[in-house]
Protein backbone atom coordinates (compact mmCIF):
# COMPACT_ATOMS: atom_id res chain seq x y z
CA MET A 1 4.70 -205.82 161.19
CA LEU A 2 8.46 -205.74 161.65
CA ILE A 3 10.73 -202.72 161.51
CA GLU A 4 12.93 -202.87 158.42
CA SER A 5 16.28 -201.12 158.68
CA ASN A 6 16.22 -200.14 155.02
CA GLN A 7 12.68 -198.72 155.25
CA CYS A 8 12.78 -196.77 158.50
CA GLN A 9 14.11 -193.61 160.03
CA LEU A 10 14.56 -192.62 163.66
CA LEU A 11 12.98 -189.47 165.06
CA LEU A 12 14.27 -188.32 168.46
CA VAL A 13 11.82 -185.80 169.92
CA ASP A 14 12.92 -183.04 172.32
CA VAL A 15 15.36 -184.84 174.63
CA GLN A 16 16.59 -181.47 175.88
CA THR A 17 18.72 -180.35 178.82
CA ARG A 18 16.00 -178.43 180.67
CA LEU A 19 13.32 -181.10 180.12
CA VAL A 20 15.15 -184.36 180.88
CA PRO A 21 15.67 -183.74 184.63
CA HIS A 22 11.91 -183.40 185.11
CA VAL A 23 10.72 -186.60 183.43
CA GLN A 24 10.33 -190.07 184.90
CA ASP A 25 13.56 -192.12 184.94
CA PRO A 26 15.79 -189.71 183.00
CA GLN A 27 18.83 -192.04 183.19
CA ARG A 28 16.93 -194.87 181.50
CA LEU A 29 15.64 -192.45 178.87
CA ALA A 30 19.16 -191.22 178.04
CA PHE A 31 20.65 -194.74 178.11
CA ASN A 32 18.07 -196.23 175.74
CA ASN A 33 18.13 -193.31 173.34
CA ASP A 34 21.91 -193.51 173.30
CA ARG A 35 21.67 -197.18 172.29
CA LEU A 36 19.23 -196.35 169.49
CA LEU A 37 21.48 -193.60 168.14
CA GLN A 38 24.53 -195.89 168.20
CA ALA A 39 22.61 -198.56 166.32
CA THR A 40 21.41 -196.10 163.68
CA ARG A 41 25.00 -195.04 163.08
CA GLN A 42 26.23 -198.60 162.64
CA LEU A 43 23.33 -199.50 160.36
CA ASN A 44 23.21 -196.24 158.36
CA ILE A 45 19.62 -195.53 159.37
CA PRO A 46 18.68 -191.88 158.89
CA LEU A 47 17.87 -189.97 162.04
CA LEU A 48 16.59 -186.58 163.02
CA ALA A 49 16.44 -184.92 166.44
CA THR A 50 14.01 -182.13 167.23
CA GLU A 51 14.26 -179.37 169.79
CA GLN A 52 11.18 -177.52 171.07
CA TYR A 53 12.04 -173.87 171.76
CA PRO A 54 15.77 -174.51 172.37
CA LYS A 55 16.34 -170.95 173.62
CA GLY A 56 14.22 -171.68 176.67
CA LEU A 57 14.41 -175.48 176.98
CA GLY A 58 18.04 -175.98 176.02
CA HIS A 59 19.51 -178.23 173.37
CA THR A 60 19.58 -182.01 173.04
CA ILE A 61 21.41 -183.51 176.02
CA PRO A 62 25.18 -183.75 175.43
CA GLN A 63 25.26 -187.57 175.60
CA LEU A 64 23.04 -187.67 172.50
CA ARG A 65 24.01 -184.40 170.83
CA GLU A 66 27.62 -185.55 170.42
CA GLN A 67 26.37 -188.39 168.19
CA LEU A 68 24.39 -186.12 165.87
CA LYS A 69 25.76 -184.66 162.66
CA ALA A 70 25.16 -181.23 161.20
CA GLY A 71 21.66 -181.07 159.76
CA GLU A 72 20.29 -183.80 162.04
CA ILE A 73 19.02 -181.41 164.72
CA ALA A 74 16.10 -179.15 163.95
CA PRO A 75 14.15 -176.66 166.05
CA LYS A 76 10.38 -176.81 166.04
CA GLU A 77 7.44 -174.72 167.17
CA HIS A 78 4.52 -177.09 166.70
CA PHE A 79 4.23 -179.87 169.25
CA SER A 80 3.96 -182.28 166.31
CA ALA A 81 7.30 -182.38 164.53
CA TYR A 82 5.46 -183.40 161.36
CA LYS A 83 3.47 -180.15 161.34
CA ASN A 84 6.68 -178.11 161.06
CA GLY A 85 7.19 -177.49 157.34
CA ALA A 86 10.95 -178.02 157.18
CA LEU A 87 10.81 -181.16 159.34
CA LYS A 88 7.95 -182.58 157.30
CA GLN A 89 10.03 -182.09 154.15
CA LEU A 90 13.03 -183.83 155.74
CA ILE A 91 10.94 -186.79 156.91
CA ASP A 92 9.06 -187.13 153.61
CA GLY A 93 12.22 -186.59 151.56
CA ARG A 94 13.84 -189.73 152.94
CA GLN A 95 11.14 -191.86 151.31
CA ARG A 96 11.12 -194.30 154.21
CA ARG A 97 7.59 -195.12 155.33
CA GLN A 98 8.48 -196.44 158.79
CA VAL A 99 9.30 -194.03 161.61
CA VAL A 100 10.77 -195.17 164.91
CA LEU A 101 9.79 -192.50 167.42
CA CYS A 102 11.28 -191.78 170.84
CA GLY A 103 11.69 -188.83 173.18
CA ILE A 104 9.70 -186.54 175.45
CA GLU A 105 7.10 -185.77 176.46
CA ALA A 106 5.22 -188.91 175.52
CA HIS A 107 1.80 -187.34 176.02
CA VAL A 108 2.53 -184.11 174.15
CA CYS A 109 5.16 -183.94 171.39
CA VAL A 110 5.66 -187.67 170.89
CA LEU A 111 1.90 -188.28 170.82
CA GLN A 112 1.12 -185.41 168.45
CA THR A 113 4.02 -186.29 166.15
CA ALA A 114 2.94 -189.93 166.00
CA GLU A 115 -0.69 -188.99 165.32
CA SER A 116 0.37 -186.69 162.47
CA LEU A 117 2.59 -189.37 160.97
CA LEU A 118 -0.18 -191.96 161.19
CA GLN A 119 -2.56 -189.58 159.42
CA ALA A 120 0.06 -189.29 156.66
CA ASP A 121 0.09 -193.10 156.28
CA TYR A 122 3.44 -193.75 157.94
CA GLN A 123 4.01 -196.91 159.97
CA VAL A 124 4.88 -195.57 163.41
CA PHE A 125 6.79 -197.47 166.08
CA VAL A 126 6.88 -195.75 169.48
CA VAL A 127 9.73 -196.96 171.67
CA GLU A 128 8.17 -197.24 175.14
CA ASP A 129 11.39 -197.38 177.15
CA SER A 130 12.93 -194.54 175.13
CA CYS A 131 10.04 -192.17 175.85
CA SER A 132 9.09 -190.40 179.03
CA SER A 133 6.86 -187.76 180.58
CA ARG A 134 6.89 -185.84 183.83
CA ASN A 135 4.05 -188.05 185.04
CA GLU A 136 4.02 -191.81 184.40
CA GLN A 137 0.24 -191.85 184.06
CA ASP A 138 0.41 -189.32 181.21
CA LYS A 139 2.90 -191.54 179.41
CA GLN A 140 0.75 -194.66 179.85
CA VAL A 141 -2.39 -192.90 178.63
CA ALA A 142 -0.48 -191.60 175.60
CA LEU A 143 0.85 -195.07 174.75
CA ALA A 144 -2.62 -196.59 175.04
CA ARG A 145 -4.07 -193.89 172.81
CA LEU A 146 -1.30 -194.33 170.25
CA HIS A 147 -1.79 -198.08 170.22
CA GLN A 148 -5.51 -197.58 169.56
CA ALA A 149 -4.65 -195.16 166.74
CA GLY A 150 -2.44 -197.74 165.02
CA ALA A 151 1.06 -197.06 166.32
CA VAL A 152 3.09 -200.12 167.30
CA ILE A 153 4.49 -199.91 170.82
CA VAL A 154 7.97 -201.46 171.01
CA SER A 155 11.04 -201.55 173.26
CA THR A 156 14.59 -200.47 172.52
CA GLU A 157 15.79 -204.06 172.27
CA MET A 158 12.92 -205.02 169.98
CA VAL A 159 13.95 -202.23 167.62
CA ILE A 160 17.62 -203.19 167.61
CA PHE A 161 16.93 -206.91 167.11
CA GLU A 162 14.51 -206.16 164.26
CA TRP A 163 17.11 -203.92 162.63
CA ILE A 164 19.72 -206.69 162.95
CA GLU A 165 17.35 -209.42 161.63
CA ARG A 166 19.63 -212.39 162.29
CA ALA A 167 22.41 -213.69 164.50
CA ASN A 168 25.89 -214.84 163.53
CA THR A 169 26.61 -211.88 161.27
CA ASP A 170 29.13 -209.05 161.47
CA THR A 171 26.25 -206.67 162.11
CA PHE A 172 25.00 -208.78 165.00
CA ARG A 173 28.47 -208.95 166.55
CA ALA A 174 28.98 -205.20 166.12
CA LEU A 175 25.68 -204.37 167.86
CA LEU A 176 25.87 -207.05 170.55
CA PRO A 177 27.33 -204.64 173.14
CA LEU A 178 24.18 -202.52 172.83
CA ILE A 179 21.91 -205.41 173.78
CA ARG A 180 23.90 -207.04 176.55
């Protein structure tokens, strides 16, 4: 099952200022999520960023927040973004049945969001190197569980190459800096 750029949307979960410093490899997390956001912009793929309790946990990190437009950041209370009524409506309203999912923490909000999306018959792609947790073991257990549940575990470069589909195009040349 490949990710189709015209059938997917990106969901960035809780990459917030007071959470990022406490997860494993925060620089890699920010770098890979930045690449995904840049690719979505160039390919016109819809995206949505969530923030869990932003008053206490801060907002999306500046490196990513500066790429987001009005209406693309939404607060949430449930750990699963899909169980928040307004977010569910936004996700469903796009009528794109593939969701590329990244963010933190892999074993809490990413896991519960993915499980909810799978139950709603979405095709879910969890980007392993664009997710993190405070503890690496928690992340690995979450990824194994999600794989067993039917989510496809992918990497940032896999996502970008699947969105591009072929070489020797203007799109390929435009996105090449993100994959070098």
